Amino acid sequence: MAARSSRLAAGDLVAIGEVVRGRHPGRSSDDEILLFHSMGLGIQDAWAAWAAYHGTLESGIGTTVAF
């Protein structure tokens, strides 16, 4: 588990919901790494993906890929 490694402290871990709700800023630079470990229901994963997608649209970041 990442929290048990010497590289992360308990204070380094933030629930994805805190970022999505704007209670935590998330990454502050491109050098930071985001680790998402899903432990919930599929609907929670779908909501997190939806929120991330719409957040990138609102921020004007990301790349559109045609499937």
PDB file of N, CA and C in Angstrom:
ATOM      1  N   MET A   1       0.838  -1.180   0.000  1.00  0.00           N
ATOM      2  CA  MET A   1       0.000   0.000   0.000  1.00  0.00           C
ATOM      3  C   MET A   1       0.888   1.251   0.000  1.00  0.00           C
ATOM      4  N   ALA A   2       0.511   2.233  -0.817  1.00  0.00           N
ATOM      5  CA  ALA A   2       1.332   3.434  -0.989  1.00  0.00           C
ATOM      6  C   ALA A   2       1.533   4.195   0.314  1.00  0.00           C
ATOM      7  N   ALA A   3       0.532   4.234   1.152  1.00  0.00           N
ATOM      8  CA  ALA A   3       0.630   4.985   2.400  1.00  0.00           C
ATOM      9  C   ALA A   3       1.667   4.382   3.335  1.00  0.00           C
ATOM     10  N   ARG A   4       1.990   3.134   3.155  1.00  0.00           N
ATOM     11  CA  ARG A   4       2.973   2.482   4.019  1.00  0.00           C
ATOM     12  C   ARG A   4       4.396   2.647   3.506  1.00  0.00           C
ATOM     13  N   SER A   5       4.564   3.155   2.291  1.00  0.00           N
ATOM     14  CA  SER A   5       5.905   3.343   1.760  1.00  0.00           C
ATOM     15  C   SER A   5       6.564   4.544   2.437  1.00  0.00           C
ATOM     16  N   SER A   6       7.859   4.640   2.304  1.00  0.00           N
ATOM     17  CA  SER A   6       8.570   5.756   2.922  1.00  0.00           C
ATOM     18  C   SER A   6       8.384   7.047   2.137  1.00  0.00           C
ATOM     19  N   ARG A   7       7.751   6.991   0.973  1.00  0.00           N
ATOM     20  CA  ARG A   7       7.596   8.165   0.132  1.00  0.00           C
ATOM     21  C   ARG A   7       6.341   8.970   0.435  1.00  0.00           C
ATOM     22  N   LEU A   8       5.379   8.378   1.088  1.00  0.00           N
ATOM     23  CA  LEU A   8       4.124   9.058   1.385  1.00  0.00           C
ATOM     24  C   LEU A   8       3.844   9.086   2.872  1.00  0.00           C
ATOM     25  N   ALA A   9       3.330  10.199   3.312  1.00  0.00           N
ATOM     26  CA  ALA A   9       2.870  10.317   4.695  1.00  0.00           C
ATOM     27  C   ALA A   9       1.347  10.361   4.668  1.00  0.00           C
ATOM     28  N   ALA A  10       0.730  10.076   5.783  1.00  0.00           N
ATOM     29  CA  ALA A  10      -0.733  10.076   5.842  1.00  0.00           C
ATOM     30  C   ALA A  10      -1.312  11.420   5.398  1.00  0.00           C
ATOM     31  N   GLY A  11      -0.613  12.516   5.669  1.00  0.00           N
ATOM     32  CA  GLY A  11      -1.085  13.834   5.271  1.00  0.00           C
ATOM     33  C   GLY A  11      -1.028  14.077   3.773  1.00  0.00           C
ATOM     34  N   ASP A  12      -0.327  13.202   3.032  1.00  0.00           N
ATOM     35  CA  ASP A  12      -0.235  13.323   1.578  1.00  0.00           C
ATOM     36  C   ASP A  12      -1.473  12.784   0.874  1.00  0.00           C
ATOM     37  N   LEU A  13      -2.268  12.013   1.584  1.00  0.00           N
ATOM     38  CA  LEU A  13      -3.431  11.364   0.978  1.00  0.00           C
ATOM     39  C   LEU A  13      -4.683  12.217   1.130  1.00  0.00           C
ATOM     40  N   VAL A  14      -5.392  12.403   0.032  1.00  0.00           N
ATOM     41  CA  VAL A  14      -6.613  13.206   0.029  1.00  0.00           C
ATOM     42  C   VAL A  14      -7.674  12.425  -0.730  1.00  0.00           C
ATOM     43  N   ALA A  15      -8.873  12.405  -0.225  1.00  0.00           N
ATOM     44  CA  ALA A  15      -9.977  11.735  -0.912  1.00  0.00           C
ATOM     45  C   ALA A  15     -10.316  12.496  -2.188  1.00  0.00           C
ATOM     46  N   ILE A  16     -10.569  11.777  -3.284  1.00  0.00           N
ATOM     47  CA  ILE A  16     -10.874  12.401  -4.563  1.00  0.00           C
ATOM     48  C   ILE A  16     -12.086  13.328  -4.459  1.00  0.00           C
ATOM     49  N   GLY A  17     -13.013  12.993  -3.586  1.00  0.00           N
ATOM     50  CA  GLY A  17     -14.187  13.837  -3.399  1.00  0.00           C
ATOM     51  C   GLY A  17     -13.838  15.216  -2.877  1.00  0.00           C
ATOM     52  N   GLU A  18     -12.772  15.309  -2.092  1.00  0.00           N
ATOM     53  CA  GLU A  18     -12.343  16.610  -1.583  1.00  0.00           C
ATOM     54  C   GLU A  18     -11.827  17.500  -2.710  1.00  0.00           C
ATOM     55  N   VAL A  19     -11.181  16.904  -3.678  1.00  0.00           N
ATOM     56  CA  VAL A  19     -10.686  17.658  -4.831  1.00  0.00           C
ATOM     57  C   VAL A  19     -11.850  18.061  -5.728  1.00  0.00           C
ATOM     58  N   VAL A  20     -12.736  17.114  -6.006  1.00  0.00           N
ATOM     59  CA  VAL A  20     -13.879  17.381  -6.884  1.00  0.00           C
ATOM     60  C   VAL A  20     -14.771  18.471  -6.303  1.00  0.00           C
ATOM     61  N   ARG A  21     -14.954  18.469  -4.994  1.00  0.00           N
ATOM     62  CA  ARG A  21     -15.804  19.478  -4.335  1.00  0.00           C
ATOM     63  C   ARG A  21     -15.107  20.824  -4.168  1.00  0.00           C
ATOM     64  N   GLY A  22     -13.812  20.883  -4.471  1.00  0.00           N
ATOM     65  CA  GLY A  22     -13.067  22.126  -4.337  1.00  0.00           C
ATOM     66  C   GLY A  22     -12.545  22.387  -2.938  1.00  0.00           C
ATOM     67  N   ARG A  23     -12.604  21.393  -2.074  1.00  0.00           N
ATOM     68  CA  ARG A  23     -12.104  21.553  -0.707  1.00  0.00           C
ATOM     69  C   ARG A  23     -10.596  21.371  -0.617  1.00  0.00           C
ATOM     70  N   HIS A  24     -10.008  20.766  -1.650  1.00  0.00           N
ATOM     71  CA  HIS A  24      -8.558  20.577  -1.737  1.00  0.00           C
ATOM     72  C   HIS A  24      -8.160  20.934  -3.157  1.00  0.00           C
ATOM     73  N   PRO A  25      -7.039  21.652  -3.345  1.00  0.00           N
ATOM     74  CA  PRO A  25      -6.693  22.112  -4.688  1.00  0.00           C
ATOM     75  C   PRO A  25      -6.229  21.023  -5.651  1.00  0.00           C
ATOM     76  N   GLY A  26      -5.907  19.858  -5.146  1.00  0.00           N
ATOM     77  CA  GLY A  26      -5.366  18.831  -6.030  1.00  0.00           C
ATOM     78  C   GLY A  26      -3.919  19.137  -6.354  1.00  0.00           C
ATOM     79  N   ARG A  27      -3.497  18.786  -7.566  1.00  0.00           N
ATOM     80  CA  ARG A  27      -2.107  19.045  -7.971  1.00  0.00           C
ATOM     81  C   ARG A  27      -1.854  20.534  -8.124  1.00  0.00           C
ATOM     82  N   SER A  28      -0.660  20.961  -7.748  1.00  0.00           N
ATOM     83  CA  SER A  28      -0.303  22.366  -7.926  1.00  0.00           C
ATOM     84  C   SER A  28       0.741  22.546  -9.016  1.00  0.00           C
ATOM     85  N   SER A  29       1.265  21.443  -9.578  1.00  0.00           N
ATOM     86  CA  SER A  29       2.225  21.521 -10.682  1.00  0.00           C
ATOM     87  C   SER A  29       2.181  20.216 -11.477  1.00  0.00           C
ATOM     88  N   ASP A  30       2.712  20.262 -12.700  1.00  0.00           N
ATOM     89  CA  ASP A  30       2.760  19.072 -13.549  1.00  0.00           C
ATOM     90  C   ASP A  30       3.710  18.012 -13.013  1.00  0.00           C
ATOM     91  N   ASP A  31       4.587  18.400 -12.082  1.00  0.00           N
ATOM     92  CA  ASP A  31       5.539  17.454 -11.504  1.00  0.00           C
ATOM     93  C   ASP A  31       4.899  16.555 -10.446  1.00  0.00           C
ATOM     94  N   GLU A  32       3.754  16.942  -9.934  1.00  0.00           N
ATOM     95  CA  GLU A  32       3.077  16.143  -8.916  1.00  0.00           C
ATOM     96  C   GLU A  32       2.312  15.002  -9.579  1.00  0.00           C
ATOM     97  N   ILE A  33       2.196  13.915  -8.865  1.00  0.00           N
ATOM     98  CA  ILE A  33       1.540  12.719  -9.380  1.00  0.00           C
ATOM     99  C   ILE A  33       0.222  12.520  -8.648  1.00  0.00           C
ATOM    100  N   LEU A  34      -0.797  12.171  -9.416  1.00  0.00           N
ATOM    101  CA  LEU A  34      -2.104  11.869  -8.842  1.00  0.00           C
ATOM    102  C   LEU A  34      -2.303  10.365  -8.879  1.00  0.00           C
ATOM    103  N   LEU A  35      -2.607   9.788  -7.756  1.00  0.00           N
ATOM    104  CA  LEU A  35      -2.869   8.363  -7.659  1.00  0.00           C
ATOM    105  C   LEU A  35      -4.320   8.190  -7.266  1.00  0.00           C
ATOM    106  N   PHE A  36      -5.072   7.495  -8.077  1.00  0.00           N
ATOM    107  CA  PHE A  36      -6.482   7.251  -7.777  1.00  0.00           C
ATOM    108  C   PHE A  36      -6.663   5.761  -7.568  1.00  0.00           C
ATOM    109  N   HIS A  37      -7.092   5.394  -6.385  1.00  0.00           N
ATOM    110  CA  HIS A  37      -7.358   3.991  -6.068  1.00  0.00           C
ATOM    111  C   HIS A  37      -8.840   3.858  -5.764  1.00  0.00           C
ATOM    112  N   SER A  38      -9.545   3.207  -6.642  1.00  0.00           N
ATOM    113  CA  SER A  38     -10.985   3.069  -6.484  1.00  0.00           C
ATOM    114  C   SER A  38     -11.314   1.931  -5.529  1.00  0.00           C
ATOM    115  N   MET A  39     -12.143   2.236  -4.568  1.00  0.00           N
ATOM    116  CA  MET A  39     -12.579   1.209  -3.633  1.00  0.00           C
ATOM    117  C   MET A  39     -14.089   1.278  -3.443  1.00  0.00           C
ATOM    118  N   GLY A  40     -14.759   1.940  -4.372  1.00  0.00           N
ATOM    119  CA  GLY A  40     -16.192   2.135  -4.210  1.00  0.00           C
ATOM    120  C   GLY A  40     -17.002   1.378  -5.228  1.00  0.00           C
ATOM    121  N   LEU A  41     -18.189   1.853  -5.422  1.00  0.00           N
ATOM    122  CA  LEU A  41     -19.114   1.267  -6.384  1.00  0.00           C
ATOM    123  C   LEU A  41     -18.836   1.817  -7.777  1.00  0.00           C
ATOM    124  N   GLY A  42     -19.279   1.101  -8.787  1.00  0.00           N
ATOM    125  CA  GLY A  42     -19.094   1.536 -10.162  1.00  0.00           C
ATOM    126  C   GLY A  42     -19.676   2.910 -10.425  1.00  0.00           C
ATOM    127  N   ILE A  43     -20.803   3.222  -9.816  1.00  0.00           N
ATOM    128  CA  ILE A  43     -21.431   4.522 -10.018  1.00  0.00           C
ATOM    129  C   ILE A  43     -20.545   5.643  -9.484  1.00  0.00           C
ATOM    130  N   GLN A  44     -19.803   5.368  -8.411  1.00  0.00           N
ATOM    131  CA  GLN A  44     -18.872   6.364  -7.883  1.00  0.00           C
ATOM    132  C   GLN A  44     -17.725   6.596  -8.867  1.00  0.00           C
ATOM    133  N   ASP A  45     -17.239   5.539  -9.480  1.00  0.00           N
ATOM    134  CA  ASP A  45     -16.185   5.667 -10.480  1.00  0.00           C
ATOM    135  C   ASP A  45     -16.691   6.465 -11.686  1.00  0.00           C
ATOM    136  N   ALA A  46     -17.910   6.170 -12.120  1.00  0.00           N
ATOM    137  CA  ALA A  46     -18.492   6.889 -13.255  1.00  0.00           C
ATOM    138  C   ALA A  46     -18.652   8.366 -12.931  1.00  0.00           C
ATOM    139  N   TRP A  47     -19.086   8.681 -11.718  1.00  0.00           N
ATOM    140  CA  TRP A  47     -19.253  10.081 -11.319  1.00  0.00           C
ATOM    141  C   TRP A  47     -17.904  10.785 -11.266  1.00  0.00           C
ATOM    142  N   ALA A  48     -16.880  10.127 -10.735  1.00  0.00           N
ATOM    143  CA  ALA A  48     -15.549  10.725 -10.669  1.00  0.00           C
ATOM    144  C   ALA A  48     -15.010  10.991 -12.071  1.00  0.00           C
ATOM    145  N   ALA A  49     -15.237  10.057 -13.001  1.00  0.00           N
ATOM    146  CA  ALA A  49     -14.801  10.254 -14.387  1.00  0.00           C
ATOM    147  C   ALA A  49     -15.551  11.413 -15.022  1.00  0.00           C
ATOM    148  N   TRP A  50     -16.851  11.486 -14.786  1.00  0.00           N
ATOM    149  CA  TRP A  50     -17.664  12.584 -15.323  1.00  0.00           C
ATOM    150  C   TRP A  50     -17.169  13.923 -14.795  1.00  0.00           C
ATOM    151  N   ALA A  51     -16.904  14.001 -13.497  1.00  0.00           N
ATOM    152  CA  ALA A  51     -16.445  15.242 -12.875  1.00  0.00           C
ATOM    153  C   ALA A  51     -15.067  15.637 -13.423  1.00  0.00           C
ATOM    154  N   ALA A  52     -14.176  14.673 -13.597  1.00  0.00           N
ATOM    155  CA  ALA A  52     -12.852  14.966 -14.147  1.00  0.00           C
ATOM    156  C   ALA A  52     -12.963  15.464 -15.582  1.00  0.00           C
ATOM    157  N   TYR A  53     -13.801  14.812 -16.366  1.00  0.00           N
ATOM    158  CA  TYR A  53     -13.988  15.206 -17.763  1.00  0.00           C
ATOM    159  C   TYR A  53     -14.536  16.623 -17.862  1.00  0.00           C
ATOM    160  N   HIS A  54     -15.579  16.911 -17.134  1.00  0.00           N
ATOM    161  CA  HIS A  54     -16.175  18.247 -17.194  1.00  0.00           C
ATOM    162  C   HIS A  54     -15.263  19.311 -16.585  1.00  0.00           C
ATOM    163  N   GLY A  55     -14.457  18.930 -15.615  1.00  0.00           N
ATOM    164  CA  GLY A  55     -13.478  19.867 -15.066  1.00  0.00           C
ATOM    165  C   GLY A  55     -12.443  20.262 -16.099  1.00  0.00           C
ATOM    166  N   THR A  56     -12.011  19.291 -16.917  1.00  0.00           N
ATOM    167  CA  THR A  56     -11.044  19.624 -17.968  1.00  0.00           C
ATOM    168  C   THR A  56     -11.682  20.491 -19.042  1.00  0.00           C
ATOM    169  N   LEU A  57     -12.940  20.231 -19.364  1.00  0.00           N
ATOM    170  CA  LEU A  57     -13.634  21.077 -20.350  1.00  0.00           C
ATOM    171  C   LEU A  57     -13.732  22.520 -19.860  1.00  0.00           C
ATOM    172  N   GLU A  58     -14.115  22.697 -18.599  1.00  0.00           N
ATOM    173  CA  GLU A  58     -14.253  24.032 -18.034  1.00  0.00           C
ATOM    174  C   GLU A  58     -12.909  24.748 -17.937  1.00  0.00           C
ATOM    175  N   SER A  59     -11.833  23.995 -17.719  1.00  0.00           N
ATOM    176  CA  SER A  59     -10.498  24.591 -17.595  1.00  0.00           C
ATOM    177  C   SER A  59      -9.830  24.794 -18.948  1.00  0.00           C
ATOM    178  N   GLY A  60     -10.387  24.186 -19.978  1.00  0.00           N
ATOM    179  CA  GLY A  60      -9.789  24.301 -21.313  1.00  0.00           C
ATOM    180  C   GLY A  60      -8.493  23.523 -21.467  1.00  0.00           C
ATOM    181  N   ILE A  61      -8.372  22.438 -20.695  1.00  0.00           N
ATOM    182  CA  ILE A  61      -7.154  21.624 -20.784  1.00  0.00           C
ATOM    183  C   ILE A  61      -7.506  20.245 -21.330  1.00  0.00           C
ATOM    184  N   GLY A  62      -6.509  19.496 -21.690  1.00  0.00           N
ATOM    185  CA  GLY A  62      -6.729  18.141 -22.171  1.00  0.00           C
ATOM    186  C   GLY A  62      -6.664  18.062 -23.689  1.00  0.00           C
ATOM    187  N   THR A  63      -6.787  16.861 -24.187  1.00  0.00           N
ATOM    188  CA  THR A  63      -6.742  16.606 -25.617  1.00  0.00           C
ATOM    189  C   THR A  63      -7.930  15.750 -25.999  1.00  0.00           C
ATOM    190  N   THR A  64      -8.635  16.146 -27.040  1.00  0.00           N
ATOM    191  CA  THR A  64      -9.766  15.354 -27.540  1.00  0.00           C
ATOM    192  C   THR A  64      -9.247  14.255 -28.444  1.00  0.00           C
ATOM    193  N   VAL A  65      -9.706  13.046 -28.211  1.00  0.00           N
ATOM    194  CA  VAL A  65      -9.289  11.896 -29.010  1.00  0.00           C
ATOM    195  C   VAL A  65     -10.539  11.262 -29.603  1.00  0.00           C
ATOM    196  N   ALA A  66     -10.554  11.098 -30.923  1.00  0.00           N
ATOM    197  CA  ALA A  66     -11.689  10.477 -31.591  1.00  0.00           C
ATOM    198  C   ALA A  66     -11.528   8.955 -31.520  1.00  0.00           C
ATOM    199  N   PHE A  67     -12.596   8.277 -31.191  1.00  0.00           N
ATOM    200  CA  PHE A  67     -12.571   6.819 -31.119  1.00  0.00           C
ATOM    201  C   PHE A  67     -13.246   6.230 -32.341  1.00  0.00           C
TER     202      PHE A  67
END
